[in-house]
PDB file of N, CA and C in Angstrom:
ATOM      1  N   UNK A   1     115.676  81.382-135.712  1.00  0.00           N
ATOM      2  CA  UNK A   1     115.882  81.187-134.287  1.00  0.00           C
ATOM      3  C   UNK A   1     117.229  81.792-133.904  1.00  0.00           C
ATOM      4  N   UNK A   2     117.253  82.418-132.746  1.00  0.00           N
ATOM      5  CA  UNK A   2     118.488  82.955-132.183  1.00  0.00           C
ATOM      6  C   UNK A   2     119.010  81.956-131.158  1.00  0.00           C
ATOM      7  N   UNK A   3     120.281  81.602-131.231  1.00  0.00           N
ATOM      8  CA  UNK A   3     120.876  80.642-130.306  1.00  0.00           C
ATOM      9  C   UNK A   3     121.734  81.370-129.283  1.00  0.00           C
ATOM     10  N   UNK A   4     121.552  80.995-128.008  1.00  0.00           N
ATOM     11  CA  UNK A   4     122.348  81.555-126.920  1.00  0.00           C
ATOM     12  C   UNK A   4     123.035  80.403-126.202  1.00  0.00           C
ATOM     13  N   UNK A   5     124.351  80.489-126.053  1.00  0.00           N
ATOM     14  CA  UNK A   5     125.114  79.481-125.320  1.00  0.00           C
ATOM     15  C   UNK A   5     125.126  79.833-123.840  1.00  0.00           C
ATOM     16  N   UNK A   6     124.931  78.820-123.010  1.00  0.00           N
ATOM     17  CA  UNK A   6     124.941  78.989-121.551  1.00  0.00           C
ATOM     18  C   UNK A   6     126.226  78.364-121.019  1.00  0.00           C
ATOM     19  N   UNK A   7     127.076  79.175-120.383  1.00  0.00           N
ATOM     20  CA  UNK A   7     128.314  78.676-119.785  1.00  0.00           C
ATOM     21  C   UNK A   7     129.375  78.233-120.761  1.00  0.00           C
ATOM     22  N   UNK A   8     129.626  79.002-121.847  1.00  0.00           N
ATOM     23  CA  UNK A   8     130.677  78.590-122.777  1.00  0.00           C
ATOM     24  C   UNK A   8     132.042  78.529-122.091  1.00  0.00           C
ATOM     25  N   UNK A   9     132.804  77.488-122.392  1.00  0.00           N
ATOM     26  CA  UNK A   9     134.153  77.291-121.837  1.00  0.00           C
ATOM     27  C   UNK A   9     134.154  77.245-120.311  1.00  0.00           C
ATOM     28  N   UNK A  10     133.040  76.787-119.704  1.00  0.00           N
ATOM     29  CA  UNK A  10     132.975  76.651-118.246  1.00  0.00           C
ATOM     30  C   UNK A  10     132.760  77.963-117.513  1.00  0.00           C
ATOM     31  N   UNK A  11     132.476  79.044-118.240  1.00  0.00           N
ATOM     32  CA  UNK A  11     132.253  80.343-117.606  1.00  0.00           C
ATOM     33  C   UNK A  11     130.817  80.464-117.110  1.00  0.00           C
ATOM     34  N   UNK A  12     130.545  81.463-116.293  1.00  0.00           N
ATOM     35  CA  UNK A  12     129.193  81.731-115.814  1.00  0.00           C
ATOM     36  C   UNK A  12     128.574  82.865-116.631  1.00  0.00           C
ATOM     37  N   UNK A  13     128.625  82.704-117.947  1.00  0.00           N
ATOM     38  CA  UNK A  13     128.174  83.741-118.876  1.00  0.00           C
ATOM     39  C   UNK A  13     127.213  83.172-119.901  1.00  0.00           C
ATOM     40  N   UNK A  14     126.537  84.071-120.582  1.00  0.00           N
ATOM     41  CA  UNK A  14     125.755  83.725-121.763  1.00  0.00           C
ATOM     42  C   UNK A  14     126.498  84.289-122.965  1.00  0.00           C
ATOM     43  N   UNK A  15     126.432  83.577-124.101  1.00  0.00           N
ATOM     44  CA  UNK A  15     127.063  84.091-125.308  1.00  0.00           C
ATOM     45  C   UNK A  15     126.106  83.962-126.478  1.00  0.00           C
ATOM     46  N   UNK A  16     125.821  85.018-127.162  1.00  0.00           N
ATOM     47  CA  UNK A  16     126.251  86.374-126.874  1.00  0.00           C
ATOM     48  C   UNK A  16     125.523  86.921-125.648  1.00  0.00           C
ATOM     49  N   UNK A  17     126.074  87.952-125.046  1.00  0.00           N
ATOM     50  CA  UNK A  17     125.472  88.480-123.819  1.00  0.00           C
ATOM     51  C   UNK A  17     124.271  89.375-124.096  1.00  0.00           C
ATOM     52  N   UNK A  18     124.071  89.797-125.326  1.00  0.00           N
ATOM     53  CA  UNK A  18     122.886  90.556-125.720  1.00  0.00           C
ATOM     54  C   UNK A  18     122.393  90.057-127.068  1.00  0.00           C
ATOM     55  N   UNK A  19     121.083  89.960-127.197  1.00  0.00           N
ATOM     56  CA  UNK A  19     120.472  89.620-128.482  1.00  0.00           C
ATOM     57  C   UNK A  19     119.209  90.448-128.652  1.00  0.00           C
ATOM     58  N   UNK A  20     118.797  90.622-129.873  1.00  0.00           N
ATOM     59  CA  UNK A  20     117.519  91.258-130.169  1.00  0.00           C
ATOM     60  C   UNK A  20     116.657  90.221-130.867  1.00  0.00           C
ATOM     61  N   UNK A  21     115.512  89.964-130.264  1.00  0.00           N
ATOM     62  CA  UNK A  21     114.591  88.965-130.797  1.00  0.00           C
ATOM     63  C   UNK A  21     113.379  89.699-131.364  1.00  0.00           C
ATOM     64  N   UNK A  22     113.056  89.464-132.614  1.00  0.00           N
ATOM     65  CA  UNK A  22     111.880  90.126-133.171  1.00  0.00           C
ATOM     66  C   UNK A  22     110.603  89.556-132.537  1.00  0.00           C
ATOM     67  N   UNK A  23     109.545  90.322-132.573  1.00  0.00           N
ATOM     68  CA  UNK A  23     108.261  89.847-132.074  1.00  0.00           C
ATOM     69  C   UNK A  23     107.919  88.531-132.760  1.00  0.00           C
ATOM     70  N   UNK A  24     107.600  87.524-131.959  1.00  0.00           N
ATOM     71  CA  UNK A  24     107.280  86.204-132.500  1.00  0.00           C
ATOM     72  C   UNK A  24     108.496  85.335-132.735  1.00  0.00           C
ATOM     73  N   UNK A  25     109.705  85.871-132.496  1.00  0.00           N
ATOM     74  CA  UNK A  25     110.937  85.107-132.689  1.00  0.00           C
ATOM     75  C   UNK A  25     111.134  84.078-131.581  1.00  0.00           C
ATOM     76  N   UNK A  26     112.100  83.217-131.746  1.00  0.00           N
ATOM     77  CA  UNK A  26     112.398  82.184-130.756  1.00  0.00           C
ATOM     78  C   UNK A  26     113.867  82.223-130.364  1.00  0.00           C
ATOM     79  N   UNK A  27     114.145  81.654-129.179  1.00  0.00           N
ATOM     80  CA  UNK A  27     115.511  81.551-128.668  1.00  0.00           C
ATOM     81  C   UNK A  27     115.795  80.083-128.382  1.00  0.00           C
ATOM     82  N   UNK A  28     116.941  79.614-128.850  1.00  0.00           N
ATOM     83  CA  UNK A  28     117.411  78.266-128.533  1.00  0.00           C
ATOM     84  C   UNK A  28     118.541  78.372-127.524  1.00  0.00           C
ATOM     85  N   UNK A  29     118.394  77.688-126.380  1.00  0.00           N
ATOM     86  CA  UNK A  29     119.418  77.698-125.328  1.00  0.00           C
ATOM     87  C   UNK A  29     120.274  76.445-125.478  1.00  0.00           C
ATOM     88  N   UNK A  30     121.587  76.627-125.558  1.00  0.00           N
ATOM     89  CA  UNK A  30     122.519  75.508-125.715  1.00  0.00           C
ATOM     90  C   UNK A  30     123.439  75.494-124.502  1.00  0.00           C
ATOM     91  N   UNK A  31     123.323  74.445-123.658  1.00  0.00           N
ATOM     92  CA  UNK A  31     124.161  74.331-122.461  1.00  0.00           C
ATOM     93  C   UNK A  31     125.542  73.849-122.859  1.00  0.00           C
ATOM     94  N   UNK A  32     126.564  74.657-122.559  1.00  0.00           N
ATOM     95  CA  UNK A  32     127.945  74.346-122.908  1.00  0.00           C
ATOM     96  C   UNK A  32     128.762  73.893-121.699  1.00  0.00           C
ATOM     97  N   UNK A  33     128.156  73.905-120.505  1.00  0.00           N
ATOM     98  CA  UNK A  33     128.837  73.414-119.306  1.00  0.00           C
ATOM     99  C   UNK A  33     127.780  72.924-118.340  1.00  0.00           C
ATOM    100  N   UNK A  34     128.176  72.151-117.359  1.00  0.00           N
ATOM    101  CA  UNK A  34     127.231  71.618-116.392  1.00  0.00           C
ATOM    102  C   UNK A  34     127.115  72.558-115.196  1.00  0.00           C
ATOM    103  N   UNK A  35     126.191  72.254-114.300  1.00  0.00           N
ATOM    104  CA  UNK A  35     126.071  73.014-113.073  1.00  0.00           C
ATOM    105  C   UNK A  35     125.014  74.088-113.106  1.00  0.00           C
ATOM    106  N   UNK A  36     124.285  74.231-114.212  1.00  0.00           N
ATOM    107  CA  UNK A  36     123.226  75.233-114.277  1.00  0.00           C
ATOM    108  C   UNK A  36     121.908  74.602-113.876  1.00  0.00           C
ATOM    109  N   UNK A  37     121.097  75.342-113.125  1.00  0.00           N
ATOM    110  CA  UNK A  37     119.840  74.797-112.638  1.00  0.00           C
ATOM    111  C   UNK A  37     118.624  75.393-113.335  1.00  0.00           C
ATOM    112  N   UNK A  38     118.837  76.155-114.382  1.00  0.00           N
ATOM    113  CA  UNK A  38     117.722  76.766-115.102  1.00  0.00           C
ATOM    114  C   UNK A  38     117.227  75.781-116.164  1.00  0.00           C
ATOM    115  N   UNK A  39     115.926  75.627-116.225  1.00  0.00           N
ATOM    116  CA  UNK A  39     115.334  74.774-117.253  1.00  0.00           C
ATOM    117  C   UNK A  39     114.265  75.558-117.989  1.00  0.00           C
ATOM    118  N   UNK A  40     114.029  75.219-119.257  1.00  0.00           N
ATOM    119  CA  UNK A  40     113.005  75.947-120.016  1.00  0.00           C
ATOM    120  C   UNK A  40     111.604  75.606-119.519  1.00  0.00           C
TER     121      UNK A  40
END
């Protein structure tokens, strides 16, 4: 699984900002700050 942080250190960014996911791969979203309205 590839993990992407949402809003690290209170920023409006994703970390890392680019990833390559193989066919059939998965992504784990980890919220690092509040205020985001996106849900899986």
